[in-house]
Amino acid sequence: MKLNRYPDRTGVAMIAFGVLLGASYFYFRQFWLIVLGIAWIMIPLFLTADSEEEE
């Protein structure tokens, strides 16, 4: 299965939501918010990574 090089609309929405979670850390001062935000951003980035061995 060949994965896309760039995230689709869902991936972009997940990244935007992760940025909002990370930004809400500065308002609520809860450490888990920034960790969850970073993890939420990384999910679509890992799923859309283009691997060289599949070519």
C-alpha atoms as a PDB file:
ATOM      1  CA  MET A   1       0.000   0.000   0.000  1.00  0.00           C
ATOM      2  CA  LYS A   2       1.462   3.325  -1.051  1.00  0.00           C
ATOM      3  CA  LEU A   3       0.787   6.171   1.342  1.00  0.00           C
ATOM      4  CA  ASN A   4       0.208   9.746   0.270  1.00  0.00           C
ATOM      5  CA  ARG A   5       3.036  12.204   0.554  1.00  0.00           C
ATOM      6  CA  TYR A   6       0.858  14.970   2.045  1.00  0.00           C
ATOM      7  CA  PRO A   7      -2.015  14.691   4.536  1.00  0.00           C
ATOM      8  CA  ASP A   8      -5.575  14.944   3.247  1.00  0.00           C
ATOM      9  CA  ARG A   9      -8.322  17.137   4.730  1.00  0.00           C
ATOM     10  CA  THR A  10      -8.709  14.889   7.740  1.00  0.00           C
ATOM     11  CA  GLY A  11      -4.985  15.018   8.441  1.00  0.00           C
ATOM     12  CA  VAL A  12      -4.947  18.805   8.172  1.00  0.00           C
ATOM     13  CA  ALA A  13      -7.923  18.999  10.547  1.00  0.00           C
ATOM     14  CA  MET A  14      -6.135  16.699  13.017  1.00  0.00           C
ATOM     15  CA  ILE A  15      -3.000  18.855  12.851  1.00  0.00           C
ATOM     16  CA  ALA A  16      -5.064  22.020  13.424  1.00  0.00           C
ATOM     17  CA  PHE A  17      -6.803  20.398  16.400  1.00  0.00           C
ATOM     18  CA  GLY A  18      -3.422  19.368  17.809  1.00  0.00           C
ATOM     19  CA  VAL A  19      -2.174  22.940  17.484  1.00  0.00           C
ATOM     20  CA  LEU A  20      -5.268  24.145  19.361  1.00  0.00           C
ATOM     21  CA  LEU A  21      -4.659  21.568  22.098  1.00  0.00           C
ATOM     22  CA  GLY A  22      -1.050  22.660  22.407  1.00  0.00           C
ATOM     23  CA  ALA A  23      -2.024  26.333  22.458  1.00  0.00           C
ATOM     24  CA  SER A  24      -4.630  25.726  25.159  1.00  0.00           C
ATOM     25  CA  TYR A  25      -1.746  24.635  27.411  1.00  0.00           C
ATOM     26  CA  PHE A  26      -0.771  28.285  27.829  1.00  0.00           C
ATOM     27  CA  TYR A  27      -4.252  29.152  29.096  1.00  0.00           C
ATOM     28  CA  PHE A  28      -5.016  26.153  31.315  1.00  0.00           C
ATOM     29  CA  ARG A  29      -1.402  25.364  32.367  1.00  0.00           C
ATOM     30  CA  GLN A  30      -2.036  21.618  32.236  1.00  0.00           C
ATOM     31  CA  PHE A  31       1.034  19.709  31.047  1.00  0.00           C
ATOM     32  CA  TRP A  32      -0.981  16.848  29.532  1.00  0.00           C
ATOM     33  CA  LEU A  33      -2.570  19.271  27.037  1.00  0.00           C
ATOM     34  CA  ILE A  34       0.721  20.046  25.313  1.00  0.00           C
ATOM     35  CA  VAL A  35       1.701  16.350  25.301  1.00  0.00           C
ATOM     36  CA  LEU A  36      -1.664  15.379  23.822  1.00  0.00           C
ATOM     37  CA  GLY A  37      -1.416  18.201  21.272  1.00  0.00           C
ATOM     38  CA  ILE A  38       2.011  17.075  20.073  1.00  0.00           C
ATOM     39  CA  ALA A  39       0.875  13.451  19.873  1.00  0.00           C
ATOM     40  CA  TRP A  40      -2.272  14.465  17.980  1.00  0.00           C
ATOM     41  CA  ILE A  41      -0.159  16.385  15.442  1.00  0.00           C
ATOM     42  CA  MET A  42       2.224  13.460  14.929  1.00  0.00           C
ATOM     43  CA  ILE A  43      -0.485  10.873  14.111  1.00  0.00           C
ATOM     44  CA  PRO A  44      -1.324  12.147  10.591  1.00  0.00           C
ATOM     45  CA  LEU A  45       2.324  12.971   9.924  1.00  0.00           C
ATOM     46  CA  PHE A  46       3.362   9.371  10.650  1.00  0.00           C
ATOM     47  CA  LEU A  47       0.483   7.955   8.618  1.00  0.00           C
ATOM     48  CA  THR A  48       1.358  10.030   5.537  1.00  0.00           C
ATOM     49  CA  ALA A  49       5.123   9.496   5.629  1.00  0.00           C
ATOM     50  CA  ASP A  50       6.512   8.381   2.292  1.00  0.00           C
ATOM     51  CA  SER A  51       8.835   5.447   2.761  1.00  0.00           C
ATOM     52  CA  GLU A  52      11.645   4.791   0.295  1.00  0.00           C
ATOM     53  CA  GLU A  53      11.560   0.986   0.486  1.00  0.00           C
ATOM     54  CA  GLU A  54       8.086   0.740  -1.086  1.00  0.00           C
ATOM     55  CA  GLU A  55       9.138   2.138  -4.473  1.00  0.00           C
END
